[in-house]
Amino acid sequence: MNSTTKKKTFYIALISCIFLLFIATFWDLQISETLINYNSWFGTIFQTFGEIPVYFIFVLSGQIALAYAFRKRNDWLFSLPLFIGGFSLSLWQTKAYTNEILSYLLAISSNLEHHKAIGLANSDANVGNPSLLLTIMVWLGIYIVVTILAQTWLSRKDEKSLHHLLYVAVFATLAVWFSLQANLALKDFWGRFRPYELSASHKEFTSWLHPNGINGHKSFPSGHTMAGTLMIVFSWFASSQPIRKKLWIFGVAYGVLLGISRIIIGAHFTSDVVFSFFLTAFIIYIVNELYLILKDKTRPIADLSNP
């Protein structure tokens, strides 16, 4: 993506962000009341499985570290710590994702059993606690399948390509980490009530322009939307530009759909998801620019920002 295209994309994104936040400033509550459907399967499915990017970018990065460590196994002083780190990262993040989806699935099952709306699983108080045995079985099953698929793919890469992927993995991990930290810090500071936490009088509702401080409420900005927008980062791992472009477009669409699903299921207001989407996209852009600046100029590594 050349400089002119980057500027055009940035201005389009900026104008879109300002326009959508302007609408949300005046009609956040009305939009929420119009779209909320706690029985939405669309919202519930995205709620249950939608945060996969935030976990599996870490998992993929860990798998790349494993493959690279194996290739460099003769240099055990470097390869052994890299192997342990990659293994720990990919295994732990798979477990974290397993815990999340099992908890939501149990909550959905409980809601259906008690004739409640399936979307009530968005409440932290209603999230189920899966058994340890079930968690371990699903966790290890997912990890084994992911490892086989990832290592089969990586085994076909030559040393130069694998070196590039390891470099990409470092910056992809940074993009996720910075996005997580920014999102969590803002959630705590804003202390905004979620739509489903409002009473009938809506007296707890506050504009996104009004931080409430730390009070245990975490609607602004949307964590799921952040995770969905990070799907864009998977395009960085593609080896060809056509595939990279398709993954980039898919990542943008995925982030938008996940954001819409959060409004429908009553977990967030429009301003929560709009701010989260564009903030995460901006962080992805900044990390990509750092990559371009710091990469080794002697190696023809693809421009990650080129969709």
Protein backbone atom coordinates (compact mmCIF):
# COMPACT_ATOMS: atom_id res chain seq x y z
CA MET A 1 0.00 0.00 0.00
CA ASN A 2 1.64 3.23 -1.14
CA SER A 3 1.65 6.50 0.77
CA THR A 4 -1.23 8.05 -1.20
CA THR A 5 -3.48 5.03 -0.65
CA LYS A 6 -2.62 4.99 3.05
CA LYS A 7 -3.62 8.64 3.40
CA LYS A 8 -6.90 8.09 1.57
CA THR A 9 -7.70 5.06 3.70
CA PHE A 10 -6.86 6.99 6.87
CA TYR A 11 -9.08 9.94 5.95
CA ILE A 12 -11.99 7.65 5.01
CA ALA A 13 -11.63 5.81 8.32
CA LEU A 14 -11.39 9.07 10.28
CA ILE A 15 -14.47 10.58 8.66
CA SER A 16 -16.42 7.34 9.13
CA CYS A 17 -15.42 7.18 12.79
CA ILE A 18 -16.41 10.79 13.49
CA PHE A 19 -19.73 10.43 11.65
CA LEU A 20 -20.70 7.22 13.46
CA LEU A 21 -19.67 8.57 16.87
CA PHE A 22 -21.65 11.74 16.19
CA ILE A 23 -24.77 9.65 15.56
CA ALA A 24 -24.07 7.55 18.66
CA THR A 25 -23.64 10.66 20.81
CA PHE A 26 -27.29 11.58 20.33
CA TRP A 27 -29.00 8.25 19.62
CA ASP A 28 -26.97 5.56 21.43
CA LEU A 29 -29.82 4.52 23.70
CA GLN A 30 -32.46 4.65 20.98
CA ILE A 31 -30.40 2.50 18.60
CA SER A 32 -29.81 -0.03 21.36
CA GLU A 33 -33.50 -0.25 22.27
CA THR A 34 -34.43 -0.69 18.61
CA LEU A 35 -31.93 -3.46 17.82
CA ILE A 36 -31.72 -5.46 21.06
CA ASN A 37 -32.84 -9.06 20.71
CA TYR A 38 -31.68 -11.33 23.52
CA ASN A 39 -32.92 -14.33 21.53
CA SER A 40 -30.69 -13.57 18.55
CA TRP A 41 -28.68 -16.61 17.47
CA PHE A 42 -26.54 -14.28 15.35
CA GLY A 43 -25.54 -12.34 18.45
CA THR A 44 -25.18 -15.43 20.61
CA ILE A 45 -22.94 -17.32 18.16
CA PHE A 46 -20.60 -14.34 17.76
CA GLN A 47 -20.66 -13.82 21.51
CA THR A 48 -19.65 -17.43 22.16
CA PHE A 49 -17.04 -18.00 19.47
CA GLY A 50 -16.27 -14.53 18.11
CA GLU A 51 -13.18 -13.68 20.15
CA ILE A 52 -11.08 -16.35 18.45
CA PRO A 53 -8.62 -13.85 16.84
CA VAL A 54 -7.36 -12.44 20.14
CA TYR A 55 -6.44 -15.94 21.32
CA PHE A 56 -5.35 -17.63 18.11
CA ILE A 57 -2.96 -14.94 16.96
CA PHE A 58 -1.05 -15.83 20.13
CA VAL A 59 -1.53 -19.54 19.37
CA LEU A 60 -0.27 -19.21 15.79
CA SER A 61 2.68 -17.11 16.92
CA GLY A 62 3.54 -19.78 19.48
CA GLN A 63 3.32 -22.49 16.83
CA ILE A 64 5.68 -20.53 14.59
CA ALA A 65 8.12 -20.26 17.49
CA LEU A 66 7.91 -24.04 17.96
CA ALA A 67 8.65 -24.70 14.29
CA TYR A 68 11.53 -22.23 14.23
CA ALA A 69 13.03 -23.68 17.42
CA PHE A 70 12.94 -27.16 15.92
CA ARG A 71 14.72 -25.96 12.79
CA LYS A 72 17.41 -24.33 14.96
CA ARG A 73 17.62 -27.22 17.44
CA ASN A 74 21.41 -27.48 17.08
CA ASP A 75 21.65 -24.09 18.79
CA TRP A 76 19.96 -25.37 21.95
CA LEU A 77 20.80 -22.27 24.02
CA PHE A 78 18.45 -20.31 21.75
CA SER A 79 16.07 -22.99 20.54
CA LEU A 80 15.19 -24.51 23.92
CA PRO A 81 13.86 -21.29 25.54
CA LEU A 82 12.10 -20.42 22.27
CA PHE A 83 10.49 -23.85 22.16
CA ILE A 84 9.33 -23.64 25.78
CA GLY A 85 7.98 -20.12 25.25
CA GLY A 86 6.15 -21.01 22.04
CA PHE A 87 4.70 -24.17 23.55
CA SER A 88 3.54 -22.38 26.70
CA LEU A 89 2.00 -19.47 24.77
CA SER A 90 0.06 -21.63 22.32
CA LEU A 91 -1.06 -24.14 24.95
CA TRP A 92 -2.19 -21.52 27.47
CA GLN A 93 -4.06 -19.38 24.96
CA THR A 94 -5.87 -22.45 23.64
CA LYS A 95 -6.96 -23.19 27.20
CA ALA A 96 -8.15 -19.59 27.69
CA TYR A 97 -10.29 -19.79 24.55
CA THR A 98 -11.62 -23.22 25.55
CA ASN A 99 -12.69 -21.85 28.94
CA GLU A 100 -14.55 -18.99 27.28
CA ILE A 101 -16.51 -20.98 24.72
CA LEU A 102 -17.41 -23.74 27.20
CA SER A 103 -18.62 -21.17 29.73
CA TYR A 104 -20.85 -19.47 27.18
CA LEU A 105 -22.14 -22.81 25.85
CA LEU A 106 -23.09 -23.91 29.35
CA ALA A 107 -24.80 -20.58 29.96
CA ILE A 108 -26.77 -20.96 26.70
CA SER A 109 -27.78 -24.49 27.69
CA SER A 110 -28.91 -23.27 31.11
CA ASN A 111 -30.90 -20.41 29.59
CA LEU A 112 -32.68 -22.74 27.19
CA GLU A 113 -33.39 -25.25 29.96
CA HIS A 114 -34.97 -22.56 32.12
CA HIS A 115 -36.83 -20.99 29.17
CA LYS A 116 -34.77 -17.81 29.27
CA ALA A 117 -33.45 -15.80 26.34
CA ILE A 118 -30.24 -17.35 24.99
CA GLY A 119 -28.58 -13.91 24.89
CA LEU A 120 -28.60 -13.65 28.66
CA ALA A 121 -25.28 -15.47 28.50
CA ASN A 122 -23.72 -12.06 27.96
CA SER A 123 -24.06 -11.39 31.66
CA ASP A 124 -20.92 -12.26 33.61
CA ALA A 125 -23.10 -13.54 36.43
CA ASN A 126 -24.76 -16.07 34.10
CA VAL A 127 -21.60 -17.52 32.58
CA GLY A 128 -21.32 -21.22 33.43
CA ASN A 129 -18.40 -23.10 34.96
CA PRO A 130 -17.48 -26.22 32.96
CA SER A 131 -16.06 -29.28 34.72
CA LEU A 132 -12.29 -29.69 34.87
CA LEU A 133 -12.37 -32.98 32.96
CA LEU A 134 -14.48 -31.55 30.15
CA THR A 135 -12.26 -28.48 29.92
CA ILE A 136 -9.08 -30.58 29.69
CA MET A 137 -10.53 -32.91 27.06
CA VAL A 138 -11.75 -30.10 24.81
CA TRP A 139 -8.63 -28.02 25.43
CA LEU A 140 -6.19 -30.78 24.49
CA GLY A 141 -8.36 -31.87 21.56
CA ILE A 142 -8.34 -28.36 20.08
CA TYR A 143 -4.63 -27.95 20.77
CA ILE A 144 -3.70 -31.22 19.07
CA VAL A 145 -5.75 -30.42 15.96
CA VAL A 146 -4.36 -26.86 15.76
CA THR A 147 -0.80 -28.10 16.26
CA ILE A 148 -1.09 -30.72 13.51
CA LEU A 149 -2.55 -28.20 11.06
CA ALA A 150 -0.06 -25.44 11.94
CA GLN A 151 3.03 -27.62 11.91
CA THR A 152 2.02 -29.28 8.63
CA TRP A 153 1.72 -25.81 7.08
CA LEU A 154 5.00 -24.59 8.60
CA SER A 155 6.93 -27.73 7.62
CA ARG A 156 6.50 -26.72 3.97
CA LYS A 157 8.18 -23.36 4.52
CA ASP A 158 11.84 -22.88 3.67
CA GLU A 159 14.17 -21.31 6.23
CA LYS A 160 13.82 -17.81 4.80
CA SER A 161 10.01 -17.95 4.87
CA LEU A 162 9.98 -19.34 8.39
CA HIS A 163 12.35 -16.59 9.53
CA HIS A 164 9.95 -14.05 8.05
CA LEU A 165 6.97 -15.65 9.79
CA LEU A 166 8.76 -15.53 13.13
CA TYR A 167 9.41 -11.83 12.58
CA VAL A 168 5.74 -11.28 11.70
CA ALA A 169 4.65 -13.28 14.76
CA VAL A 170 6.51 -10.88 17.06
CA PHE A 171 4.69 -7.85 15.66
CA ALA A 172 1.34 -9.68 15.51
CA THR A 173 1.72 -10.52 19.20
CA LEU A 174 2.50 -6.87 19.94
CA ALA A 175 -0.61 -5.73 18.05
CA VAL A 176 -2.80 -8.02 20.16
CA TRP A 177 -1.08 -7.07 23.41
CA PHE A 178 -1.36 -3.32 22.87
CA SER A 179 -4.99 -3.66 21.79
CA LEU A 180 -5.81 -5.68 24.91
CA GLN A 181 -4.10 -3.24 27.25
CA ALA A 182 -5.77 -0.19 25.71
CA ASN A 183 -9.18 -1.84 25.76
CA LEU A 184 -8.95 -3.08 29.35
CA ALA A 185 -7.64 0.26 30.64
CA LEU A 186 -10.45 2.21 28.97
CA LYS A 187 -13.10 -0.23 30.18
CA ASP A 188 -12.03 0.29 33.78
CA PHE A 189 -11.71 4.06 33.47
CA TRP A 190 -15.02 4.63 31.67
CA GLY A 191 -17.12 2.43 33.96
CA ARG A 192 -20.06 2.50 31.57
CA PHE A 193 -23.16 0.39 32.14
CA ARG A 194 -23.97 -2.15 29.43
CA PRO A 195 -27.43 -1.98 27.81
CA TYR A 196 -28.58 -5.17 29.58
CA GLU A 197 -27.47 -3.70 32.92
CA LEU A 198 -29.80 -0.71 32.66
CA SER A 199 -32.94 -0.55 34.75
CA ALA A 200 -36.33 0.18 33.21
CA SER A 201 -35.88 3.90 33.86
CA HIS A 202 -32.46 3.93 32.13
CA LYS A 203 -31.17 6.18 34.90
CA GLU A 204 -27.75 4.46 34.73
CA PHE A 205 -27.23 5.36 31.08
CA THR A 206 -24.39 7.79 30.34
CA SER A 207 -23.01 9.14 27.08
CA TRP A 208 -19.75 7.70 25.82
CA LEU A 209 -18.32 11.19 26.36
CA HIS A 210 -18.82 10.81 30.11
CA PRO A 211 -16.26 8.60 31.95
CA ASN A 212 -17.63 7.26 35.24
CA GLY A 213 -14.43 5.96 36.80
CA ILE A 214 -13.82 2.47 38.13
CA ASN A 215 -17.14 0.99 39.24
CA GLY A 216 -17.11 -2.57 37.88
CA HIS A 217 -19.07 -1.78 34.70
CA LYS A 218 -17.19 -2.27 31.44
CA SER A 219 -19.27 -1.46 28.40
CA PHE A 220 -16.95 1.11 26.78
CA PRO A 221 -15.18 0.11 24.59
CA SER A 222 -16.23 -3.31 23.31
CA GLY A 223 -13.79 -6.16 23.95
CA HIS A 224 -15.44 -8.51 21.47
CA THR A 225 -15.25 -5.87 18.73
CA MET A 226 -11.56 -5.38 19.49
CA ALA A 227 -11.03 -9.14 19.18
CA GLY A 228 -12.99 -9.27 15.94
CA THR A 229 -11.06 -6.39 14.37
CA LEU A 230 -7.80 -8.20 15.18
CA MET A 231 -8.84 -10.76 12.58
CA ILE A 232 -7.12 -8.34 10.15
CA VAL A 233 -3.77 -9.36 11.63
CA PHE A 234 -4.09 -12.89 10.23
CA SER A 235 -3.54 -11.36 6.78
CA TRP A 236 0.02 -10.58 7.83
CA PHE A 237 0.88 -14.28 7.84
CA ALA A 238 -0.19 -14.84 4.21
CA SER A 239 2.61 -15.52 1.73
CA SER A 240 0.93 -14.08 -1.37
CA GLN A 241 -0.72 -10.73 -2.00
CA PRO A 242 -4.04 -12.12 -3.35
CA ILE A 243 -4.51 -14.23 -0.22
CA ARG A 244 -3.39 -11.33 1.97
CA LYS A 245 -5.98 -9.06 0.34
CA LYS A 246 -8.79 -11.58 0.87
CA LEU A 247 -7.84 -12.10 4.51
CA TRP A 248 -7.63 -8.34 5.05
CA ILE A 249 -11.13 -7.79 3.63
CA PHE A 250 -12.45 -10.75 5.63
CA GLY A 251 -10.86 -9.30 8.79
CA VAL A 252 -12.56 -5.92 8.32
CA ALA A 253 -15.92 -7.57 7.60
CA TYR A 254 -15.55 -9.88 10.59
CA GLY A 255 -14.83 -6.96 12.92
CA VAL A 256 -17.89 -5.06 11.64
CA LEU A 257 -20.21 -8.06 11.97
CA LEU A 258 -18.98 -8.84 15.46
CA GLY A 259 -19.56 -5.23 16.47
CA ILE A 260 -23.12 -5.31 15.13
CA SER A 261 -23.76 -8.57 16.96
CA ARG A 262 -22.76 -6.96 20.26
CA ILE A 263 -25.37 -4.23 19.80
CA ILE A 264 -28.06 -6.75 18.91
CA ILE A 265 -27.36 -9.01 21.89
CA GLY A 266 -27.51 -6.01 24.25
CA ALA A 267 -23.92 -6.19 25.43
CA HIS A 268 -22.80 -2.83 24.00
CA PHE A 269 -23.95 0.50 22.65
CA THR A 270 -23.10 1.69 19.14
CA SER A 271 -20.41 4.06 20.44
CA ASP A 272 -18.75 1.16 22.30
CA VAL A 273 -18.26 -0.88 19.15
CA VAL A 274 -17.45 2.02 16.82
CA PHE A 275 -14.74 3.39 19.10
CA SER A 276 -13.32 -0.09 19.68
CA PHE A 277 -13.20 -0.95 15.98
CA PHE A 278 -11.36 2.18 14.93
CA LEU A 279 -9.05 2.23 17.95
CA THR A 280 -7.99 -1.35 17.26
CA ALA A 281 -7.57 -0.66 13.55
CA PHE A 282 -5.37 2.32 14.42
CA ILE A 283 -3.20 0.19 16.72
CA ILE A 284 -2.86 -2.43 13.96
CA TYR A 285 -1.76 0.32 11.57
CA ILE A 286 0.82 1.72 14.02
CA VAL A 287 2.33 -1.71 14.72
CA ASN A 288 2.48 -2.40 11.00
CA GLU A 289 4.33 0.87 10.42
CA LEU A 290 6.80 -0.08 13.17
CA TYR A 291 7.34 -3.37 11.36
CA LEU A 292 8.10 -1.57 8.11
CA ILE A 293 10.55 0.78 9.82
CA LEU A 294 12.38 -1.87 11.82
CA LYS A 295 12.51 -4.76 9.38
CA ASP A 296 15.82 -5.78 7.88
CA LYS A 297 16.13 -3.83 4.62
CA THR A 298 18.30 -6.57 3.13
CA ARG A 299 15.37 -9.02 3.09
CA PRO A 300 12.47 -8.51 0.65
CA ILE A 301 9.71 -8.96 3.22
CA ALA A 302 6.19 -8.12 2.07
CA ASP A 303 4.44 -4.94 3.20
CA LEU A 304 1.98 -6.16 5.82
CA SER A 305 -0.33 -3.22 5.28
CA ASN A 306 -0.85 -4.11 1.61
CA PRO A 307 -4.19 -5.83 1.41
